PDB file of N, CA and C in Angstrom:
ATOM      1  N   MET A   1     -55.649   5.399  -8.304  1.00  0.00           N
ATOM      2  CA  MET A   1     -54.667   4.948  -7.770  1.00  0.00           C
ATOM      3  C   MET A   1     -53.348   5.280  -8.273  1.00  0.00           C
ATOM      4  N   PRO A   2     -52.181   5.775  -7.419  1.00  0.00           N
ATOM      5  CA  PRO A   2     -50.977   6.145  -8.296  1.00  0.00           C
ATOM      6  C   PRO A   2     -50.074   5.250  -8.980  1.00  0.00           C
ATOM      7  N   LYS A   3     -49.345   5.592  -9.635  1.00  0.00           N
ATOM      8  CA  LYS A   3     -48.548   4.781 -10.861  1.00  0.00           C
ATOM      9  C   LYS A   3     -47.423   4.347  -9.545  1.00  0.00           C
ATOM     10  N   LYS A   4     -46.758   3.441  -9.712  1.00  0.00           N
ATOM     11  CA  LYS A   4     -45.727   3.064  -9.096  1.00  0.00           C
ATOM     12  C   LYS A   4     -44.486   3.613  -9.876  1.00  0.00           C
ATOM     13  N   MET A   5     -43.541   4.325  -9.241  1.00  0.00           N
ATOM     14  CA  MET A   5     -42.361   4.815 -10.008  1.00  0.00           C
ATOM     15  C   MET A   5     -41.444   3.999  -9.846  1.00  0.00           C
ATOM     16  N   GLY A   6     -40.812   3.805 -11.035  1.00  0.00           N
ATOM     17  CA  GLY A   6     -39.372   2.945 -10.924  1.00  0.00           C
ATOM     18  C   GLY A   6     -38.304   3.579 -10.760  1.00  0.00           C
ATOM     19  N   VAL A   7     -37.296   2.792 -10.662  1.00  0.00           N
ATOM     20  CA  VAL A   7     -35.905   3.311 -10.319  1.00  0.00           C
ATOM     21  C   VAL A   7     -35.179   3.796 -11.445  1.00  0.00           C
ATOM     22  N   ASN A   8     -34.441   5.108 -11.952  1.00  0.00           N
ATOM     23  CA  ASN A   8     -33.574   5.489 -12.783  1.00  0.00           C
ATOM     24  C   ASN A   8     -32.462   4.914 -12.856  1.00  0.00           C
ATOM     25  N   SER A   9     -32.323   3.726 -13.581  1.00  0.00           N
ATOM     26  CA  SER A   9     -31.155   3.110 -13.484  1.00  0.00           C
ATOM     27  C   SER A   9     -29.911   3.616 -13.912  1.00  0.00           C
ATOM     28  N   LYS A  10     -30.165   4.866 -14.676  1.00  0.00           N
ATOM     29  CA  LYS A  10     -28.894   5.542 -15.386  1.00  0.00           C
ATOM     30  C   LYS A  10     -28.663   6.615 -14.375  1.00  0.00           C
ATOM     31  N   ALA A  11     -29.397   7.005 -13.495  1.00  0.00           N
ATOM     32  CA  ALA A  11     -29.149   8.004 -12.326  1.00  0.00           C
ATOM     33  C   ALA A  11     -28.298   7.173 -11.282  1.00  0.00           C
ATOM     34  N   GLU A  12     -28.932   5.828 -11.023  1.00  0.00           N
ATOM     35  CA  GLU A  12     -28.176   5.243 -10.004  1.00  0.00           C
ATOM     36  C   GLU A  12     -26.934   4.829 -10.360  1.00  0.00           C
ATOM     37  N   ALA A  13     -26.501   4.646 -11.866  1.00  0.00           N
ATOM     38  CA  ALA A  13     -25.060   3.903 -12.134  1.00  0.00           C
ATOM     39  C   ALA A  13     -24.262   5.399 -12.106  1.00  0.00           C
ATOM     40  N   ALA A  14     -25.077   6.313 -12.539  1.00  0.00           N
ATOM     41  CA  ALA A  14     -24.085   7.766 -12.159  1.00  0.00           C
ATOM     42  C   ALA A  14     -23.880   8.070 -10.764  1.00  0.00           C
ATOM     43  N   ARG A  15     -24.754   7.973 -10.043  1.00  0.00           N
ATOM     44  CA  ARG A  15     -24.399   7.935  -8.543  1.00  0.00           C
ATOM     45  C   ARG A  15     -23.435   7.250  -8.077  1.00  0.00           C
ATOM     46  N   ASP A  16     -23.409   5.757  -8.399  1.00  0.00           N
ATOM     47  CA  ASP A  16     -22.478   4.825  -8.051  1.00  0.00           C
ATOM     48  C   ASP A  16     -21.264   5.675  -8.506  1.00  0.00           C
ATOM     49  N   ARG A  17     -21.102   5.698  -9.819  1.00  0.00           N
ATOM     50  CA  ARG A  17     -19.767   6.336 -10.312  1.00  0.00           C
ATOM     51  C   ARG A  17     -19.227   7.589  -9.255  1.00  0.00           C
ATOM     52  N   ARG A  18     -20.059   8.363  -9.485  1.00  0.00           N
ATOM     53  CA  ARG A  18     -19.567   9.428  -8.423  1.00  0.00           C
ATOM     54  C   ARG A  18     -18.639   9.413  -7.238  1.00  0.00           C
ATOM     55  N   SER A  19     -19.491   8.488  -6.491  1.00  0.00           N
ATOM     56  CA  SER A  19     -19.143   7.915  -5.017  1.00  0.00           C
ATOM     57  C   SER A  19     -18.065   7.329  -5.371  1.00  0.00           C
ATOM     58  N   ALA A  20     -17.844   6.383  -6.156  1.00  0.00           N
ATOM     59  CA  ALA A  20     -16.286   5.736  -6.201  1.00  0.00           C
ATOM     60  C   ALA A  20     -15.330   6.653  -6.541  1.00  0.00           C
ATOM     61  N   ALA A  21     -15.769   7.598  -7.369  1.00  0.00           N
ATOM     62  CA  ALA A  21     -14.323   8.632  -7.798  1.00  0.00           C
ATOM     63  C   ALA A  21     -14.472   9.396  -6.855  1.00  0.00           C
ATOM     64  N   GLU A  22     -15.128   9.798  -5.734  1.00  0.00           N
ATOM     65  CA  GLU A  22     -15.102  10.499  -4.632  1.00  0.00           C
ATOM     66  C   GLU A  22     -14.329   9.960  -3.567  1.00  0.00           C
ATOM     67  N   ALA A  23     -14.429   8.733  -3.310  1.00  0.00           N
ATOM     68  CA  ALA A  23     -13.677   7.725  -2.517  1.00  0.00           C
ATOM     69  C   ALA A  23     -12.249   7.500  -2.757  1.00  0.00           C
ATOM     70  N   ASP A  24     -12.183   7.489  -4.192  1.00  0.00           N
ATOM     71  CA  ASP A  24     -10.862   7.251  -4.719  1.00  0.00           C
ATOM     72  C   ASP A  24      -9.959   8.515  -4.495  1.00  0.00           C
ATOM     73  N   ARG A  25     -10.714   9.503  -4.941  1.00  0.00           N
ATOM     74  CA  ARG A  25     -10.100  10.790  -4.393  1.00  0.00           C
ATOM     75  C   ARG A  25      -9.745  10.908  -3.198  1.00  0.00           C
ATOM     76  N   ARG A  26     -10.299  10.903  -2.240  1.00  0.00           N
ATOM     77  CA  ARG A  26     -10.059  10.905  -0.635  1.00  0.00           C
ATOM     78  C   ARG A  26      -8.954   9.851  -0.175  1.00  0.00           C
ATOM     79  N   ASP A  27      -8.972   8.856  -1.082  1.00  0.00           N
ATOM     80  CA  ASP A  27      -7.979   7.793  -0.642  1.00  0.00           C
ATOM     81  C   ASP A  27      -6.518   8.115  -1.064  1.00  0.00           C
ATOM     82  N   ARG A  28      -6.665   8.795  -2.202  1.00  0.00           N
ATOM     83  CA  ARG A  28      -5.290   9.159  -3.015  1.00  0.00           C
ATOM     84  C   ARG A  28      -4.938  10.439  -2.292  1.00  0.00           C
ATOM     85  N   GLN A  29      -5.864  11.257  -1.716  1.00  0.00           N
ATOM     86  CA  GLN A  29      -5.405  12.443  -1.103  1.00  0.00           C
ATOM     87  C   GLN A  29      -4.752  12.255   0.409  1.00  0.00           C
ATOM     88  N   GLU A  30      -5.313  11.204   0.885  1.00  0.00           N
ATOM     89  CA  GLU A  30      -4.922  10.596   2.230  1.00  0.00           C
ATOM     90  C   GLU A  30      -3.573  10.082   2.408  1.00  0.00           C
ATOM     91  N   ARG A  31      -3.139   9.235   1.043  1.00  0.00           N
ATOM     92  CA  ARG A  31      -1.940   8.762   1.271  1.00  0.00           C
ATOM     93  C   ARG A  31      -0.826   9.835   0.444  1.00  0.00           C
ATOM     94  N   ALA A  32      -1.151  10.635  -0.007  1.00  0.00           N
ATOM     95  CA  ALA A  32      -0.378  11.688  -0.397  1.00  0.00           C
ATOM     96  C   ALA A  32       0.135  12.527   0.796  1.00  0.00           C
ATOM     97  N   LYS A  33      -0.945  12.734   1.968  1.00  0.00           N
ATOM     98  CA  LYS A  33      -0.586  13.447   2.972  1.00  0.00           C
ATOM     99  C   LYS A  33       0.228  12.612   3.747  1.00  0.00           C
ATOM    100  N   GLU A  34      -0.178  11.248   3.976  1.00  0.00           N
ATOM    101  CA  GLU A  34       0.851  10.420   4.748  1.00  0.00           C
ATOM    102  C   GLU A  34       2.343  10.130   3.923  1.00  0.00           C
ATOM    103  N   GLU A  35       2.644  10.186   2.542  1.00  0.00           N
ATOM    104  CA  GLU A  35       3.696  10.124   2.157  1.00  0.00           C
ATOM    105  C   GLU A  35       4.301  11.597   2.442  1.00  0.00           C
ATOM    106  N   HIS A  36       3.864  12.601   2.444  1.00  0.00           N
ATOM    107  CA  HIS A  36       4.502  13.869   2.755  1.00  0.00           C
ATOM    108  C   HIS A  36       5.038  13.849   4.205  1.00  0.00           C
ATOM    109  N   TYR A  37       4.212  13.278   5.131  1.00  0.00           N
ATOM    110  CA  TYR A  37       4.582  13.218   6.615  1.00  0.00           C
ATOM    111  C   TYR A  37       5.807  12.527   6.514  1.00  0.00           C
ATOM    112  N   TRP A  38       6.009  11.432   6.111  1.00  0.00           N
ATOM    113  CA  TRP A  38       7.163  10.250   6.177  1.00  0.00           C
ATOM    114  C   TRP A  38       8.364  10.947   5.433  1.00  0.00           C
ATOM    115  N   ALA A  39       8.257  11.561   4.309  1.00  0.00           N
ATOM    116  CA  ALA A  39       9.093  12.102   3.781  1.00  0.00           C
ATOM    117  C   ALA A  39       9.967  13.635   4.256  1.00  0.00           C
ATOM    118  N   GLU A  40       8.915  14.108   5.346  1.00  0.00           N
ATOM    119  CA  GLU A  40       9.385  15.145   5.834  1.00  0.00           C
ATOM    120  C   GLU A  40      10.268  14.874   6.852  1.00  0.00           C
ATOM    121  N   GLY A  41       9.844  13.615   7.524  1.00  0.00           N
ATOM    122  CA  GLY A  41      10.227  13.014   8.727  1.00  0.00           C
ATOM    123  C   GLY A  41      11.878  12.608   8.635  1.00  0.00           C
ATOM    124  N   SER A  42      12.217  12.346   7.311  1.00  0.00           N
ATOM    125  CA  SER A  42      13.498  11.855   7.084  1.00  0.00           C
ATOM    126  C   SER A  42      14.504  12.981   7.050  1.00  0.00           C
ATOM    127  N   ASP A  43      14.106  13.984   7.086  1.00  0.00           N
ATOM    128  CA  ASP A  43      15.097  15.040   6.807  1.00  0.00           C
ATOM    129  C   ASP A  43      15.833  15.499   8.260  1.00  0.00           C
ATOM    130  N   GLY A  44      16.400  14.648   8.872  1.00  0.00           N
ATOM    131  CA  GLY A  44      17.194  14.942  10.168  1.00  0.00           C
ATOM    132  C   GLY A  44      16.408  14.589  11.370  1.00  0.00           C
ATOM    133  N   GLY A  45      15.338  14.038  11.372  1.00  0.00           N
ATOM    134  CA  GLY A  45      14.500  13.581  12.493  1.00  0.00           C
ATOM    135  C   GLY A  45      13.590  14.502  12.966  1.00  0.00           C
ATOM    136  N   HIS A  46      13.397  15.601  12.227  1.00  0.00           N
ATOM    137  CA  HIS A  46      12.107  16.456  12.438  1.00  0.00           C
ATOM    138  C   HIS A  46      10.831  16.118  11.769  1.00  0.00           C
ATOM    139  N   VAL A  47       9.956  15.663  12.846  1.00  0.00           N
ATOM    140  CA  VAL A  47       8.913  15.208  12.062  1.00  0.00           C
ATOM    141  C   VAL A  47       7.685  16.374  11.852  1.00  0.00           C
ATOM    142  N   CYS A  48       7.665  16.987  13.084  1.00  0.00           N
ATOM    143  CA  CYS A  48       6.634  18.219  12.899  1.00  0.00           C
ATOM    144  C   CYS A  48       7.396  19.715  13.073  1.00  0.00           C
ATOM    145  N   GLY A  49       6.815  20.583  12.866  1.00  0.00           N
ATOM    146  CA  GLY A  49       7.466  21.998  13.077  1.00  0.00           C
ATOM    147  C   GLY A  49       7.365  22.631  11.941  1.00  0.00           C
ATOM    148  N   GLY A  50       8.136  23.899  11.763  1.00  0.00           N
ATOM    149  CA  GLY A  50       8.287  24.628  10.719  1.00  0.00           C
ATOM    150  C   GLY A  50       9.967  24.435  10.107  1.00  0.00           C
ATOM    151  N   GLY A  51      10.146  25.466   9.346  1.00  0.00           N
ATOM    152  CA  GLY A  51      11.710  25.275   8.867  1.00  0.00           C
ATOM    153  C   GLY A  51      12.128  25.276   7.514  1.00  0.00           C
ATOM    154  N   ALA A  52      12.991  25.076   6.961  1.00  0.00           N
ATOM    155  CA  ALA A  52      13.300  25.259   5.549  1.00  0.00           C
ATOM    156  C   ALA A  52      12.505  24.127   5.023  1.00  0.00           C
ATOM    157  N   GLY A  53      11.956  22.965   5.144  1.00  0.00           N
ATOM    158  CA  GLY A  53      11.235  21.833   4.605  1.00  0.00           C
ATOM    159  C   GLY A  53       9.705  22.432   4.515  1.00  0.00           C
ATOM    160  N   GLN A  54       9.446  23.162   5.609  1.00  0.00           N
ATOM    161  CA  GLN A  54       7.963  23.419   5.631  1.00  0.00           C
ATOM    162  C   GLN A  54       7.644  24.707   4.674  1.00  0.00           C
ATOM    163  N   ALA A  55       8.749  25.871   4.427  1.00  0.00           N
ATOM    164  CA  ALA A  55       8.606  26.537   3.712  1.00  0.00           C
ATOM    165  C   ALA A  55       8.733  26.337   2.076  1.00  0.00           C
ATOM    166  N   ALA A  56       9.352  24.979   1.756  1.00  0.00           N
ATOM    167  CA  ALA A  56       9.497  24.808   0.111  1.00  0.00           C
ATOM    168  C   ALA A  56       8.418  23.931  -0.207  1.00  0.00           C
ATOM    169  N   VAL A  57       7.484  23.379   0.810  1.00  0.00           N
ATOM    170  CA  VAL A  57       6.253  22.746   0.490  1.00  0.00           C
ATOM    171  C   VAL A  57       5.459  23.645  -0.076  1.00  0.00           C
ATOM    172  N   GLY A  58       5.201  24.769   0.359  1.00  0.00           N
ATOM    173  CA  GLY A  58       4.185  25.739  -0.071  1.00  0.00           C
ATOM    174  C   GLY A  58       4.269  26.367  -1.656  1.00  0.00           C
ATOM    175  N   GLN A  59       5.570  26.304  -1.587  1.00  0.00           N
ATOM    176  CA  GLN A  59       5.943  26.828  -3.176  1.00  0.00           C
ATOM    177  C   GLN A  59       5.522  26.218  -4.306  1.00  0.00           C
TER     178      GLN A  59
END
């Protein structure tokens, strides 16, 4: 009869930490995109499109 394998609690905890860190990173990235969107929209009413504001972001 085979042995019952237990759960590796350290691996499970590490997996949870990685998952939480990844979710936090995604959340921060999403907020940064939204902040950038709204900051770009306040420069004369242009929300989308190219121009001087778009070129400055890439540098």
